[in-house]
Amino acid sequence: MKKVEIKLKDLLESRGMSQAKLSETIGIRPGTINDLYHNRNKHIPRNVIDKIVNELDVKDIKELLTIEETDV
């Protein structure tokens, strides 16, 4: 089975930005950013993705999302 993984942790580390700073800058709750950081979201609203890719200057969606194989 395949699973979509969010690579927000990698993006923030490569940009030298904290979860708190991203949350403050884009106006998304810190808890939501933390859930994305740790891949705990079941869904991600489109407007959240839009805000993240604009703030972090994501050029390719592969920088934010990847597909992983799982054993389940």
Protein backbone atom coordinates (compact mmCIF):
# COMPACT_ATOMS: atom_id res chain seq x y z
CA MET A 1 0.00 0.00 0.00
CA LYS A 2 1.17 3.53 -0.69
CA LYS A 3 0.96 6.51 1.62
CA VAL A 4 1.49 10.22 0.98
CA GLU A 5 4.10 11.70 3.32
CA ILE A 6 4.45 15.41 4.08
CA LYS A 7 8.06 16.63 4.13
CA LEU A 8 7.45 19.82 6.09
CA LYS A 9 10.19 18.95 8.59
CA ASP A 10 12.78 18.72 5.79
CA LEU A 11 11.56 21.95 4.20
CA LEU A 12 11.67 23.92 7.43
CA GLU A 13 15.14 22.62 8.28
CA SER A 14 16.48 23.47 4.82
CA ARG A 15 15.00 26.97 5.05
CA GLY A 16 16.19 27.54 8.62
CA MET A 17 12.66 28.24 9.79
CA SER A 18 10.89 27.07 12.92
CA GLN A 19 7.37 25.70 13.13
CA ALA A 20 6.40 28.69 15.26
CA LYS A 21 7.71 31.19 12.71
CA LEU A 22 5.88 29.46 9.85
CA SER A 23 2.68 29.37 11.87
CA GLU A 24 2.95 33.06 12.71
CA THR A 25 3.86 34.09 9.16
CA ILE A 26 1.08 32.23 7.34
CA GLY A 27 -1.60 32.49 10.02
CA ILE A 28 -2.14 28.77 10.58
CA ARG A 29 -2.56 27.36 14.10
CA PRO A 30 0.69 26.07 15.65
CA GLY A 31 -1.01 22.73 16.35
CA THR A 32 -1.83 22.30 12.67
CA ILE A 33 1.77 23.04 11.66
CA ASN A 34 3.02 20.60 14.30
CA ASP A 35 0.69 17.87 13.01
CA LEU A 36 1.95 18.44 9.46
CA TYR A 37 5.56 18.45 10.69
CA HIS A 38 5.02 15.03 12.28
CA ASN A 39 2.80 13.61 9.48
CA ARG A 40 -0.26 13.25 11.70
CA ASN A 41 -2.82 14.88 9.39
CA LYS A 42 -5.47 12.82 7.65
CA HIS A 43 -6.18 15.67 5.22
CA ILE A 44 -4.63 19.01 4.35
CA PRO A 45 -6.85 21.87 3.20
CA ARG A 46 -5.78 23.34 -0.13
CA ASN A 47 -5.42 26.83 1.34
CA VAL A 48 -2.89 25.51 3.89
CA ILE A 49 -0.83 23.91 1.12
CA ASP A 50 -0.99 27.16 -0.87
CA LYS A 51 0.23 29.20 2.09
CA ILE A 52 3.09 26.80 2.85
CA VAL A 53 4.37 26.58 -0.73
CA ASN A 54 4.25 30.35 -1.13
CA GLU A 55 5.98 31.12 2.18
CA LEU A 56 8.69 28.48 1.70
CA ASP A 57 9.09 29.22 -2.03
CA VAL A 58 8.44 25.62 -3.05
CA LYS A 59 9.14 25.19 -6.77
CA ASP A 60 8.03 21.55 -7.15
CA ILE A 61 5.35 19.71 -5.16
CA LYS A 62 7.87 16.87 -4.67
CA GLU A 63 9.65 19.17 -2.22
CA LEU A 64 6.57 19.01 0.04
CA LEU A 65 4.97 15.62 -0.71
CA THR A 66 6.27 12.15 -1.43
CA ILE A 67 4.72 8.72 -1.87
CA GLU A 68 6.04 5.98 0.42
CA GLU A 69 5.39 2.23 0.36
CA THR A 70 3.97 0.78 3.58
CA ASP A 71 3.71 -2.80 4.81
CA VAL A 72 -0.01 -2.53 5.54
